[in-house]
Amino acid sequence: MKLISEEVSNAEYLVEETNGKKDYKIRGIFLQSNMKNRNGRVYPKDILENEVTRYNKEFINKKRAFGELGHPDGPTVNLERVSHMITKLHPDGNNFIGEAKIMNTPYGKIVKGLIDEGAQLGVSSRGMGSLIQRNGANYVKDDFYLATAADIVADPSAPDAFVEGIMENKEWVWDNGVLKEKDIEAWKSQVQTAKQRALEESKLKVFESFLKKL
């Protein structure tokens, strides 16, 4: 499975003041289906609808749908970097409209300050999935897993522009409900299962594999 990030820039930021307290929200298109985006990917609508339904049930409805500030380098949400909580995500044609509340966390306060200063911000979804090439496009397969519907990113260069994650070229696998980088797990397994007399040779092969990845 690959780490997949998609960036959109047409989200709007809302600031509502009640009794002197400001509430900050972000709203707009978080996901798009049935169209080839600028990075050559297509998300079939039925696949995205099924995943959004799961995401709503397991995360949004339980107030566990968080997003981070910036471009994370992996598929899991780091609670120390959380800046907002996604509160709504629903289909509208081929688009999926989302809404998120900016939280009073350290990174949330940074987002609030940026909004107050008039900064141009955007959102980037983050998920895991396999791809199949068809008709000149990479179609996302039905193993797609949405990690977060929206991270907050700075000044997107263009609507739906692809943002290449630091770890996007890595394969990731599920291990008892935890996503782990495939290469690292394979190297560990190779050493652990080697017979004692072949241990040093195995370590050498793992080291050579590591060097090739640099």
N, C-alpha and C. Protein backbone atom coordinates (compact mmCIF):
# COMPACT_ATOMS: atom_id res chain seq x y z
N MET A 1 0.84 -1.19 0.00
CA MET A 1 0.00 0.00 0.00
C MET A 1 0.87 1.24 0.00
N LYS A 2 0.43 2.27 -0.68
CA LYS A 2 1.17 3.52 -0.77
C LYS A 2 0.51 4.62 0.05
N LEU A 3 1.34 5.51 0.57
CA LEU A 3 0.81 6.71 1.21
C LEU A 3 0.36 7.65 0.11
N ILE A 4 -0.90 8.11 0.17
CA ILE A 4 -1.47 8.96 -0.88
C ILE A 4 -1.94 10.27 -0.26
N SER A 5 -1.45 11.37 -0.79
CA SER A 5 -1.88 12.70 -0.34
C SER A 5 -2.46 13.47 -1.51
N GLU A 6 -3.56 14.15 -1.28
CA GLU A 6 -4.18 14.99 -2.32
C GLU A 6 -4.48 16.35 -1.72
N GLU A 7 -4.10 17.39 -2.41
CA GLU A 7 -4.24 18.75 -1.87
C GLU A 7 -5.29 19.54 -2.64
N VAL A 8 -6.10 20.28 -1.93
CA VAL A 8 -7.08 21.18 -2.54
C VAL A 8 -6.94 22.56 -1.90
N SER A 9 -7.28 23.59 -2.68
CA SER A 9 -7.05 24.95 -2.17
C SER A 9 -8.33 25.77 -2.03
N ASN A 10 -9.48 25.18 -2.38
CA ASN A 10 -10.70 25.99 -2.39
C ASN A 10 -11.51 25.85 -1.12
N ALA A 11 -10.85 25.67 -0.01
CA ALA A 11 -11.55 25.62 1.28
C ALA A 11 -11.68 27.04 1.82
N GLU A 12 -12.75 27.29 2.55
CA GLU A 12 -12.94 28.62 3.15
C GLU A 12 -12.79 28.53 4.66
N TYR A 13 -12.34 29.62 5.23
CA TYR A 13 -12.11 29.68 6.68
C TYR A 13 -13.12 30.64 7.29
N LEU A 14 -13.77 30.18 8.35
CA LEU A 14 -14.82 30.95 8.99
C LEU A 14 -14.43 31.29 10.42
N VAL A 15 -14.69 32.52 10.81
CA VAL A 15 -14.44 32.94 12.19
C VAL A 15 -15.74 33.51 12.74
N GLU A 16 -16.29 32.83 13.73
CA GLU A 16 -17.54 33.25 14.35
C GLU A 16 -17.28 33.67 15.78
N GLU A 17 -17.80 34.82 16.17
CA GLU A 17 -17.55 35.33 17.52
C GLU A 17 -18.84 35.31 18.33
N THR A 18 -18.79 34.67 19.50
CA THR A 18 -19.95 34.59 20.39
C THR A 18 -19.50 34.95 21.80
N ASN A 19 -20.12 35.99 22.35
CA ASN A 19 -19.77 36.45 23.70
C ASN A 19 -18.27 36.68 23.86
N GLY A 20 -17.68 37.25 22.83
CA GLY A 20 -16.27 37.58 22.89
C GLY A 20 -15.33 36.43 22.59
N LYS A 21 -15.89 35.23 22.36
CA LYS A 21 -15.07 34.07 22.05
C LYS A 21 -15.14 33.76 20.56
N LYS A 22 -13.99 33.57 19.95
CA LYS A 22 -13.93 33.28 18.52
C LYS A 22 -13.88 31.77 18.28
N ASP A 23 -14.72 31.32 17.35
CA ASP A 23 -14.69 29.93 16.90
C ASP A 23 -14.19 29.91 15.45
N TYR A 24 -13.17 29.11 15.20
CA TYR A 24 -12.56 29.04 13.88
C TYR A 24 -12.94 27.71 13.22
N LYS A 25 -13.36 27.78 11.95
CA LYS A 25 -13.72 26.58 11.21
C LYS A 25 -13.14 26.63 9.80
N ILE A 26 -13.00 25.45 9.23
CA ILE A 26 -12.60 25.33 7.83
C ILE A 26 -13.67 24.51 7.13
N ARG A 27 -14.04 24.92 5.93
CA ARG A 27 -15.12 24.24 5.21
C ARG A 27 -14.82 24.26 3.72
N GLY A 28 -15.17 23.17 3.04
CA GLY A 28 -14.96 23.14 1.60
C GLY A 28 -14.86 21.72 1.07
N ILE A 29 -14.38 21.59 -0.16
CA ILE A 29 -14.19 20.28 -0.78
C ILE A 29 -12.94 19.64 -0.19
N PHE A 30 -13.12 18.49 0.45
CA PHE A 30 -11.98 17.78 1.03
C PHE A 30 -11.52 16.64 0.12
N LEU A 31 -12.48 16.01 -0.61
CA LEU A 31 -12.17 14.87 -1.46
C LEU A 31 -12.96 14.97 -2.77
N GLN A 32 -12.43 14.37 -3.85
CA GLN A 32 -13.10 14.38 -5.14
C GLN A 32 -13.02 13.00 -5.78
N SER A 33 -14.10 12.62 -6.47
CA SER A 33 -14.15 11.30 -7.09
C SER A 33 -14.47 11.39 -8.58
N ASN A 34 -14.28 10.25 -9.27
CA ASN A 34 -14.65 10.09 -10.68
C ASN A 34 -14.03 11.14 -11.60
N MET A 35 -12.84 11.59 -11.26
CA MET A 35 -12.13 12.52 -12.14
C MET A 35 -10.64 12.30 -12.00
N LYS A 36 -9.93 12.50 -13.10
CA LYS A 36 -8.48 12.37 -13.07
C LYS A 36 -7.89 13.66 -12.52
N ASN A 37 -7.24 13.58 -11.36
CA ASN A 37 -6.68 14.80 -10.78
C ASN A 37 -5.30 15.09 -11.36
N ARG A 38 -4.67 16.12 -10.89
CA ARG A 38 -3.44 16.58 -11.52
C ARG A 38 -2.25 15.66 -11.32
N ASN A 39 -2.37 14.75 -10.40
CA ASN A 39 -1.29 13.78 -10.24
C ASN A 39 -1.61 12.47 -10.94
N GLY A 40 -2.67 12.48 -11.75
CA GLY A 40 -3.00 11.31 -12.55
C GLY A 40 -3.78 10.23 -11.85
N ARG A 41 -4.37 10.56 -10.68
CA ARG A 41 -5.12 9.57 -9.93
C ARG A 41 -6.62 9.75 -10.11
N VAL A 42 -7.34 8.63 -10.05
CA VAL A 42 -8.81 8.64 -10.08
C VAL A 42 -9.32 7.85 -8.89
N TYR A 43 -10.25 8.47 -8.13
CA TYR A 43 -10.90 7.80 -7.02
C TYR A 43 -12.32 7.43 -7.46
N PRO A 44 -12.61 6.16 -7.74
CA PRO A 44 -13.98 5.77 -8.08
C PRO A 44 -14.95 6.19 -6.97
N LYS A 45 -16.10 6.68 -7.36
CA LYS A 45 -17.02 7.24 -6.36
C LYS A 45 -17.49 6.20 -5.35
N ASP A 46 -17.77 4.96 -5.83
CA ASP A 46 -18.28 3.96 -4.89
C ASP A 46 -17.24 3.60 -3.82
N ILE A 47 -15.96 3.58 -4.22
CA ILE A 47 -14.89 3.29 -3.27
C ILE A 47 -14.77 4.41 -2.25
N LEU A 48 -14.82 5.65 -2.73
CA LEU A 48 -14.69 6.79 -1.82
C LEU A 48 -15.90 6.90 -0.91
N GLU A 49 -17.10 6.62 -1.43
CA GLU A 49 -18.31 6.67 -0.61
C GLU A 49 -18.24 5.65 0.53
N ASN A 50 -17.81 4.44 0.21
CA ASN A 50 -17.71 3.40 1.24
C ASN A 50 -16.71 3.79 2.32
N GLU A 51 -15.57 4.37 1.90
CA GLU A 51 -14.56 4.74 2.87
C GLU A 51 -14.99 5.93 3.71
N VAL A 52 -15.68 6.88 3.10
CA VAL A 52 -16.18 8.04 3.84
C VAL A 52 -17.23 7.60 4.86
N THR A 53 -18.06 6.63 4.48
CA THR A 53 -19.05 6.08 5.42
C THR A 53 -18.36 5.47 6.64
N ARG A 54 -17.30 4.69 6.39
CA ARG A 54 -16.53 4.11 7.49
C ARG A 54 -15.87 5.19 8.33
N TYR A 55 -15.29 6.18 7.67
CA TYR A 55 -14.59 7.26 8.37
C TYR A 55 -15.56 8.04 9.26
N ASN A 56 -16.77 8.29 8.77
CA ASN A 56 -17.79 8.97 9.57
C ASN A 56 -18.15 8.14 10.80
N LYS A 57 -18.37 6.86 10.58
CA LYS A 57 -18.81 5.97 11.67
C LYS A 57 -17.73 5.79 12.73
N GLU A 58 -16.49 5.55 12.29
CA GLU A 58 -15.43 5.20 13.23
C GLU A 58 -14.67 6.40 13.78
N PHE A 59 -14.73 7.53 13.09
CA PHE A 59 -13.92 8.66 13.53
C PHE A 59 -14.75 9.93 13.79
N ILE A 60 -15.45 10.44 12.78
CA ILE A 60 -16.17 11.70 12.97
C ILE A 60 -17.25 11.58 14.04
N ASN A 61 -18.06 10.54 13.97
CA ASN A 61 -19.15 10.38 14.94
C ASN A 61 -18.64 10.15 16.37
N LYS A 62 -17.41 9.68 16.49
CA LYS A 62 -16.82 9.44 17.81
C LYS A 62 -15.85 10.54 18.23
N LYS A 63 -15.85 11.62 17.46
CA LYS A 63 -14.99 12.79 17.74
C LYS A 63 -13.51 12.37 17.80
N ARG A 64 -13.10 11.53 16.84
CA ARG A 64 -11.72 11.06 16.76
C ARG A 64 -11.08 11.41 15.42
N ALA A 65 -11.76 12.24 14.64
CA ALA A 65 -11.27 12.57 13.29
C ALA A 65 -10.39 13.82 13.36
N PHE A 66 -9.11 13.62 13.54
CA PHE A 66 -8.18 14.74 13.71
C PHE A 66 -7.34 14.96 12.45
N GLY A 67 -6.81 16.16 12.33
CA GLY A 67 -5.89 16.50 11.26
C GLY A 67 -4.73 17.29 11.83
N GLU A 68 -3.64 17.33 11.07
CA GLU A 68 -2.43 18.00 11.53
C GLU A 68 -2.13 19.26 10.73
N LEU A 69 -1.25 20.07 11.27
CA LEU A 69 -0.74 21.23 10.56
C LEU A 69 0.54 20.83 9.84
N GLY A 70 0.57 21.03 8.52
CA GLY A 70 1.75 20.68 7.74
C GLY A 70 1.59 19.38 7.00
N HIS A 71 2.68 18.92 6.39
CA HIS A 71 2.68 17.68 5.62
C HIS A 71 3.35 16.56 6.41
N PRO A 72 2.59 15.71 7.10
CA PRO A 72 3.19 14.60 7.85
C PRO A 72 3.88 13.63 6.90
N ASP A 73 4.86 12.89 7.43
CA ASP A 73 5.64 11.98 6.59
C ASP A 73 5.22 10.53 6.72
N GLY A 74 4.06 10.27 7.28
CA GLY A 74 3.57 8.91 7.42
C GLY A 74 2.05 8.87 7.47
N PRO A 75 1.46 7.68 7.55
CA PRO A 75 0.00 7.54 7.46
C PRO A 75 -0.75 7.72 8.77
N THR A 76 -0.07 7.78 9.89
CA THR A 76 -0.77 7.89 11.17
C THR A 76 -0.82 9.33 11.65
N VAL A 77 -1.85 9.65 12.41
CA VAL A 77 -2.02 11.00 12.95
C VAL A 77 -1.24 11.14 14.25
N ASN A 78 -0.37 12.13 14.30
CA ASN A 78 0.43 12.41 15.49
C ASN A 78 -0.34 13.39 16.37
N LEU A 79 -0.79 12.94 17.54
CA LEU A 79 -1.62 13.78 18.40
C LEU A 79 -0.91 15.05 18.86
N GLU A 80 0.41 15.01 18.91
CA GLU A 80 1.15 16.20 19.33
C GLU A 80 1.07 17.32 18.30
N ARG A 81 0.74 16.97 17.04
CA ARG A 81 0.68 17.96 15.96
C ARG A 81 -0.74 18.28 15.53
N VAL A 82 -1.73 17.75 16.23
CA VAL A 82 -3.14 17.97 15.85
C VAL A 82 -3.49 19.45 15.97
N SER A 83 -4.15 19.95 14.94
CA SER A 83 -4.56 21.36 14.94
C SER A 83 -6.08 21.52 14.82
N HIS A 84 -6.77 20.47 14.38
CA HIS A 84 -8.21 20.61 14.17
C HIS A 84 -8.90 19.26 14.24
N MET A 85 -10.22 19.30 14.40
CA MET A 85 -11.05 18.09 14.43
C MET A 85 -12.09 18.19 13.32
N ILE A 86 -12.13 17.17 12.48
CA ILE A 86 -13.09 17.14 11.37
C ILE A 86 -14.44 16.76 11.94
N THR A 87 -15.45 17.58 11.68
CA THR A 87 -16.78 17.38 12.27
C THR A 87 -17.84 16.95 11.27
N LYS A 88 -17.57 17.17 9.97
CA LYS A 88 -18.55 16.80 8.94
C LYS A 88 -17.82 16.36 7.68
N LEU A 89 -18.39 15.37 6.98
CA LEU A 89 -17.89 14.95 5.68
C LEU A 89 -19.02 14.23 4.96
N HIS A 90 -19.51 14.82 3.88
CA HIS A 90 -20.66 14.23 3.19
C HIS A 90 -20.54 14.43 1.68
N PRO A 91 -21.17 13.55 0.89
CA PRO A 91 -21.07 13.66 -0.57
C PRO A 91 -21.91 14.79 -1.12
N ASP A 92 -21.43 15.39 -2.21
CA ASP A 92 -22.16 16.42 -2.95
C ASP A 92 -21.78 16.24 -4.42
N GLY A 93 -22.52 15.39 -5.12
CA GLY A 93 -22.12 15.03 -6.47
C GLY A 93 -20.87 14.17 -6.41
N ASN A 94 -19.87 14.55 -7.18
CA ASN A 94 -18.60 13.82 -7.15
C ASN A 94 -17.64 14.35 -6.08
N ASN A 95 -18.06 15.40 -5.40
CA ASN A 95 -17.23 15.99 -4.35
C ASN A 95 -17.69 15.50 -2.97
N PHE A 96 -16.80 15.64 -2.00
CA PHE A 96 -17.14 15.36 -0.61
C PHE A 96 -16.80 16.60 0.20
N ILE A 97 -17.85 17.21 0.74
CA ILE A 97 -17.72 18.48 1.45
C ILE A 97 -17.44 18.20 2.93
N GLY A 98 -16.42 18.86 3.44
CA GLY A 98 -16.06 18.66 4.82
C GLY A 98 -16.06 19.94 5.63
N GLU A 99 -16.10 19.79 6.93
CA GLU A 99 -15.99 20.92 7.84
C GLU A 99 -15.15 20.48 9.04
N ALA A 100 -14.30 21.37 9.51
CA ALA A 100 -13.44 21.06 10.64
C ALA A 100 -13.38 22.24 11.60
N LYS A 101 -13.24 21.92 12.87
CA LYS A 101 -13.13 22.93 13.92
C LYS A 101 -11.66 23.06 14.32
N ILE A 102 -11.16 24.30 14.28
CA ILE A 102 -9.78 24.54 14.71
C ILE A 102 -9.75 24.44 16.23
N MET A 103 -8.85 23.62 16.74
CA MET A 103 -8.82 23.35 18.18
C MET A 103 -7.85 24.29 18.91
N ASN A 104 -7.97 24.30 20.22
CA ASN A 104 -7.13 25.18 21.04
C ASN A 104 -5.85 24.46 21.48
N THR A 105 -5.28 23.70 20.55
CA THR A 105 -4.01 23.00 20.78
C THR A 105 -2.86 23.93 20.36
N PRO A 106 -1.61 23.59 20.69
CA PRO A 106 -0.50 24.44 20.25
C PRO A 106 -0.49 24.69 18.74
N TYR A 107 -0.71 23.64 17.95
CA TYR A 107 -0.71 23.83 16.50
C TYR A 107 -2.01 24.48 16.02
N GLY A 108 -3.10 24.24 16.76
CA GLY A 108 -4.35 24.91 16.43
C GLY A 108 -4.23 26.42 16.63
N LYS A 109 -3.53 26.83 17.67
CA LYS A 109 -3.33 28.25 17.93
C LYS A 109 -2.50 28.89 16.81
N ILE A 110 -1.57 28.13 16.25
CA ILE A 110 -0.80 28.65 15.12
C ILE A 110 -1.71 28.88 13.93
N VAL A 111 -2.61 27.92 13.67
CA VAL A 111 -3.56 28.06 12.56
C VAL A 111 -4.45 29.28 12.77
N LYS A 112 -4.94 29.47 14.00
CA LYS A 112 -5.78 30.63 14.29
C LYS A 112 -5.03 31.92 14.03
N GLY A 113 -3.77 31.97 14.44
CA GLY A 113 -2.96 33.16 14.20
C GLY A 113 -2.76 33.41 12.72
N LEU A 114 -2.54 32.35 11.95
CA LEU A 114 -2.36 32.50 10.50
C LEU A 114 -3.64 33.03 9.85
N ILE A 115 -4.79 32.51 10.29
CA ILE A 115 -6.06 32.98 9.74
C ILE A 115 -6.28 34.45 10.08
N ASP A 116 -6.00 34.83 11.32
CA ASP A 116 -6.16 36.22 11.72
C ASP A 116 -5.28 37.16 10.90
N GLU A 117 -4.14 36.65 10.47
CA GLU A 117 -3.20 37.46 9.68
C GLU A 117 -3.49 37.41 8.19
N GLY A 118 -4.55 36.67 7.81
CA GLY A 118 -4.94 36.62 6.40
C GLY A 118 -4.15 35.65 5.55
N ALA A 119 -3.54 34.66 6.17
CA ALA A 119 -2.73 33.69 5.41
C ALA A 119 -3.61 32.85 4.49
N GLN A 120 -3.06 32.46 3.33
CA GLN A 120 -3.74 31.57 2.40
C GLN A 120 -3.40 30.13 2.76
N LEU A 121 -4.40 29.38 3.17
CA LEU A 121 -4.19 28.00 3.58
C LEU A 121 -5.03 27.06 2.74
N GLY A 122 -4.68 25.80 2.76
CA GLY A 122 -5.44 24.79 2.04
C GLY A 122 -5.52 23.53 2.86
N VAL A 123 -6.12 22.49 2.29
CA VAL A 123 -6.22 21.21 2.99
C VAL A 123 -5.66 20.09 2.13
N SER A 124 -5.20 19.06 2.79
CA SER A 124 -4.63 17.91 2.10
C SER A 124 -5.11 16.64 2.78
N SER A 125 -5.80 15.77 2.03
CA SER A 125 -6.22 14.48 2.59
C SER A 125 -5.03 13.54 2.61
N ARG A 126 -5.13 12.52 3.46
CA ARG A 126 -4.03 11.56 3.59
C ARG A 126 -4.61 10.17 3.78
N GLY A 127 -4.19 9.24 2.94
CA GLY A 127 -4.72 7.89 3.03
C GLY A 127 -3.73 6.86 2.57
N MET A 128 -4.17 5.60 2.60
CA MET A 128 -3.36 4.48 2.17
C MET A 128 -4.13 3.69 1.14
N GLY A 129 -3.42 3.17 0.14
CA GLY A 129 -4.12 2.37 -0.85
C GLY A 129 -3.23 1.85 -1.94
N SER A 130 -3.77 0.91 -2.71
CA SER A 130 -3.09 0.37 -3.86
C SER A 130 -3.63 1.04 -5.12
N LEU A 131 -2.82 1.04 -6.17
CA LEU A 131 -3.20 1.68 -7.43
C LEU A 131 -3.14 0.68 -8.57
N ILE A 132 -4.02 0.87 -9.55
CA ILE A 132 -3.97 0.07 -10.77
C ILE A 132 -4.06 1.03 -11.96
N GLN A 133 -3.18 0.84 -12.92
CA GLN A 133 -3.14 1.75 -14.06
C GLN A 133 -4.14 1.29 -15.11
N ARG A 134 -4.93 2.25 -15.58
CA ARG A 134 -5.95 1.95 -16.58
C ARG A 134 -6.29 3.22 -17.35
N ASN A 135 -6.27 3.14 -18.67
CA ASN A 135 -6.63 4.27 -19.54
C ASN A 135 -5.82 5.53 -19.22
N GLY A 136 -4.53 5.36 -18.97
CA GLY A 136 -3.67 6.50 -18.75
C GLY A 136 -3.80 7.16 -17.39
N ALA A 137 -4.42 6.47 -16.45
CA ALA A 137 -4.57 7.04 -15.10
C ALA A 137 -4.34 5.95 -14.06
N ASN A 138 -4.00 6.35 -12.85
CA ASN A 138 -3.84 5.43 -11.74
C ASN A 138 -5.14 5.43 -10.92
N TYR A 139 -5.85 4.31 -10.96
CA TYR A 139 -7.11 4.19 -10.24
C TYR A 139 -6.86 3.64 -8.84
N VAL A 140 -7.45 4.29 -7.85
CA VAL A 140 -7.33 3.84 -6.47
C VAL A 140 -8.22 2.61 -6.28
N LYS A 141 -7.66 1.56 -5.70
CA LYS A 141 -8.40 0.31 -5.54
C LYS A 141 -9.22 0.29 -4.25
N ASP A 142 -9.99 -0.78 -4.08
CA ASP A 142 -10.96 -0.81 -2.98
C ASP A 142 -10.34 -1.09 -1.61
N ASP A 143 -8.99 -1.17 -1.55
CA ASP A 143 -8.36 -1.27 -0.23
C ASP A 143 -8.00 0.11 0.33
N PHE A 144 -8.49 1.17 -0.31
CA PHE A 144 -8.17 2.53 0.13
C PHE A 144 -8.65 2.76 1.55
N TYR A 145 -7.77 3.36 2.36
CA TYR A 145 -8.05 3.65 3.77
C TYR A 145 -7.75 5.12 4.02
N LEU A 146 -8.75 5.87 4.47
CA LEU A 146 -8.59 7.29 4.73
C LEU A 146 -8.04 7.50 6.12
N ALA A 147 -6.82 8.03 6.21
CA ALA A 147 -6.20 8.29 7.51
C ALA A 147 -6.74 9.58 8.11
N THR A 148 -6.82 10.62 7.29
CA THR A 148 -7.46 11.88 7.70
C THR A 148 -8.01 12.57 6.47
N ALA A 149 -9.19 13.14 6.61
CA ALA A 149 -9.81 13.82 5.47
C ALA A 149 -9.14 15.16 5.19
N ALA A 150 -8.42 15.71 6.17
CA ALA A 150 -7.83 17.03 5.94
C ALA A 150 -6.71 17.35 6.92
N ASP A 151 -5.52 17.53 6.39
CA ASP A 151 -4.45 18.22 7.10
C ASP A 151 -4.47 19.66 6.60
N ILE A 152 -3.98 20.60 7.39
CA ILE A 152 -3.92 21.99 6.97
C ILE A 152 -2.53 22.29 6.44
N VAL A 153 -2.48 22.81 5.22
CA VAL A 153 -1.19 23.08 4.56
C VAL A 153 -1.14 24.52 4.09
N ALA A 154 0.06 25.00 3.83
CA ALA A 154 0.26 26.40 3.49
C ALA A 154 0.27 26.63 1.99
N ASP A 155 -0.50 27.60 1.55
CA ASP A 155 -0.43 28.14 0.20
C ASP A 155 -0.32 27.08 -0.89
N PRO A 156 -1.37 26.30 -1.13
CA PRO A 156 -1.32 25.32 -2.21
C PRO A 156 -1.04 25.99 -3.55
N SER A 157 -0.24 25.37 -4.38
CA SER A 157 0.15 25.98 -5.66
C SER A 157 -0.97 25.99 -6.66
N ALA A 158 -1.88 25.01 -6.58
CA ALA A 158 -3.00 24.94 -7.52
C ALA A 158 -4.05 24.01 -6.96
N PRO A 159 -5.33 24.19 -7.35
CA PRO A 159 -6.37 23.27 -6.88
C PRO A 159 -6.04 21.84 -7.27
N ASP A 160 -6.26 20.91 -6.33
CA ASP A 160 -6.05 19.49 -6.54
C ASP A 160 -4.60 19.14 -6.87
N ALA A 161 -3.66 20.03 -6.56
CA ALA A 161 -2.25 19.73 -6.86
C ALA A 161 -1.77 18.60 -5.97
N PHE A 162 -1.00 17.70 -6.52
CA PHE A 162 -0.48 16.56 -5.76
C PHE A 162 0.71 16.99 -4.93
N VAL A 163 0.69 16.60 -3.69
CA VAL A 163 1.81 16.88 -2.80
C VAL A 163 2.49 15.56 -2.48
N GLU A 164 3.72 15.42 -2.87
CA GLU A 164 4.42 14.16 -2.67
C GLU A 164 4.94 14.07 -1.25
N GLY A 165 4.39 13.13 -0.45
CA GLY A 165 4.82 12.95 0.92
C GLY A 165 6.23 12.40 0.98
N ILE A 166 6.91 12.68 2.06
CA ILE A 166 8.28 12.23 2.24
C ILE A 166 8.36 10.71 2.14
N MET A 167 7.36 10.02 2.69
CA MET A 167 7.39 8.57 2.70
C MET A 167 6.50 7.95 1.63
N GLU A 168 6.10 8.70 0.63
CA GLU A 168 5.14 8.20 -0.34
C GLU A 168 5.69 7.07 -1.19
N ASN A 169 7.00 7.01 -1.35
CA ASN A 169 7.58 5.96 -2.17
C ASN A 169 7.79 4.66 -1.40
N LYS A 170 7.36 4.63 -0.16
CA LYS A 170 7.51 3.43 0.65
C LYS A 170 6.23 2.60 0.60
N GLU A 171 6.38 1.31 0.79
CA GLU A 171 5.23 0.42 0.94
C GLU A 171 4.90 0.33 2.43
N TRP A 172 3.59 0.31 2.75
CA TRP A 172 3.16 0.20 4.13
C TRP A 172 2.25 -1.02 4.26
N VAL A 173 2.30 -1.66 5.41
CA VAL A 173 1.49 -2.86 5.64
C VAL A 173 0.80 -2.76 6.98
N TRP A 174 -0.32 -3.50 7.12
CA TRP A 174 -1.03 -3.59 8.38
C TRP A 174 -0.39 -4.67 9.24
N ASP A 175 -0.20 -4.38 10.51
CA ASP A 175 0.33 -5.36 11.46
C ASP A 175 -0.42 -5.20 12.77
N ASN A 176 -1.43 -6.04 12.96
CA ASN A 176 -2.26 -5.97 14.17
C ASN A 176 -2.86 -4.58 14.38
N GLY A 177 -3.38 -4.03 13.29
CA GLY A 177 -4.05 -2.74 13.37
C GLY A 177 -3.14 -1.54 13.32
N VAL A 178 -1.83 -1.78 13.15
CA VAL A 178 -0.87 -0.68 13.10
C VAL A 178 -0.20 -0.67 11.73
N LEU A 179 -0.10 0.52 11.14
CA LEU A 179 0.57 0.64 9.84
C LEU A 179 2.06 0.75 10.05
N LYS A 180 2.81 -0.11 9.38
CA LYS A 180 4.26 -0.10 9.50
C LYS A 180 4.88 -0.09 8.11
N GLU A 181 6.07 0.47 8.05
CA GLU A 181 6.76 0.53 6.78
C GLU A 181 7.23 -0.87 6.40
N LYS A 182 6.89 -1.30 5.19
CA LYS A 182 7.12 -2.68 4.78
C LYS A 182 8.60 -3.05 4.75
N ASP A 183 9.45 -2.19 4.20
CA ASP A 183 10.86 -2.51 4.08
C ASP A 183 11.49 -2.79 5.43
N ILE A 184 11.19 -1.96 6.42
CA ILE A 184 11.77 -2.12 7.75
C ILE A 184 11.32 -3.45 8.36
N GLU A 185 10.02 -3.77 8.24
CA GLU A 185 9.52 -5.02 8.79
C GLU A 185 10.16 -6.21 8.10
N ALA A 186 10.35 -6.12 6.79
CA ALA A 186 10.96 -7.22 6.06
C ALA A 186 12.40 -7.44 6.50
N TRP A 187 13.13 -6.35 6.73
CA TRP A 187 14.51 -6.48 7.17
C TRP A 187 14.59 -7.12 8.56
N LYS A 188 13.69 -6.69 9.46
CA LYS A 188 13.68 -7.27 10.81
C LYS A 188 13.40 -8.76 10.75
N SER A 189 12.38 -9.12 9.94
CA SER A 189 11.99 -10.51 9.83
C SER A 189 13.11 -11.35 9.26
N GLN A 190 13.82 -10.79 8.30
CA GLN A 190 14.92 -11.52 7.67
C GLN A 190 16.00 -11.88 8.67
N VAL A 191 16.32 -10.95 9.57
CA VAL A 191 17.33 -11.19 10.58
C VAL A 191 16.83 -12.16 11.64
N GLN A 192 15.59 -11.96 12.09
CA GLN A 192 15.05 -12.75 13.19
C GLN A 192 14.85 -14.22 12.83
N THR A 193 14.54 -14.50 11.57
CA THR A 193 14.26 -15.88 11.17
C THR A 193 15.48 -16.61 10.62
N ALA A 194 16.57 -15.91 10.48
CA ALA A 194 17.77 -16.56 9.95
C ALA A 194 18.34 -17.54 10.97
N LYS A 195 18.85 -18.65 10.47
CA LYS A 195 19.52 -19.61 11.35
C LYS A 195 20.79 -18.98 11.89
N GLN A 196 21.22 -19.44 13.03
CA GLN A 196 22.35 -18.83 13.72
C GLN A 196 23.58 -18.79 12.82
N ARG A 197 23.83 -19.86 12.06
CA ARG A 197 25.04 -19.90 11.25
C ARG A 197 24.96 -18.96 10.06
N ALA A 198 23.74 -18.49 9.74
CA ALA A 198 23.60 -17.57 8.61
C ALA A 198 23.28 -16.16 9.07
N LEU A 199 23.36 -15.93 10.38
CA LEU A 199 22.95 -14.65 10.95
C LEU A 199 23.79 -13.50 10.42
N GLU A 200 25.11 -13.67 10.44
CA GLU A 200 25.98 -12.59 9.99
C GLU A 200 25.77 -12.28 8.51
N GLU A 201 25.57 -13.33 7.72
CA GLU A 201 25.31 -13.13 6.30
C GLU A 201 23.99 -12.39 6.10
N SER A 202 23.00 -12.73 6.92
CA SER A 202 21.70 -12.08 6.84
C SER A 202 21.80 -10.60 7.18
N LYS A 203 22.55 -10.30 8.25
CA LYS A 203 22.74 -8.90 8.65
C LYS A 203 23.41 -8.11 7.53
N LEU A 204 24.36 -8.73 6.86
CA LEU A 204 25.07 -8.07 5.77
C LEU A 204 24.11 -7.76 4.62
N LYS A 205 23.23 -8.71 4.31
CA LYS A 205 22.25 -8.49 3.23
C LYS A 205 21.30 -7.35 3.58
N VAL A 206 20.88 -7.31 4.85
CA VAL A 206 19.98 -6.24 5.29
C VAL A 206 20.68 -4.90 5.18
N PHE A 207 21.93 -4.83 5.58
CA PHE A 207 22.69 -3.59 5.49
C PHE A 207 22.83 -3.15 4.03
N GLU A 208 23.07 -4.10 3.13
CA GLU A 208 23.18 -3.78 1.71
C GLU A 208 21.84 -3.26 1.17
N SER A 209 20.74 -3.88 1.63
CA SER A 209 19.41 -3.41 1.21
C SER A 209 19.16 -2.00 1.67
N PHE A 210 19.59 -1.72 2.92
CA PHE A 210 19.43 -0.37 3.47
C PHE A 210 20.20 0.66 2.65
N LEU A 211 21.43 0.33 2.27
CA LEU A 211 22.26 1.25 1.49
C LEU A 211 21.63 1.54 0.14
N LYS A 212 21.01 0.53 -0.48
CA LYS A 212 20.39 0.72 -1.78
C LYS A 212 19.19 1.65 -1.70
N LYS A 213 18.56 1.71 -0.52
CA LYS A 213 17.39 2.56 -0.35
C LYS A 213 17.74 4.03 -0.14
N LEU A 214 19.00 4.32 0.17
CA LEU A 214 19.42 5.70 0.43
C LEU A 214 19.45 6.50 -0.85
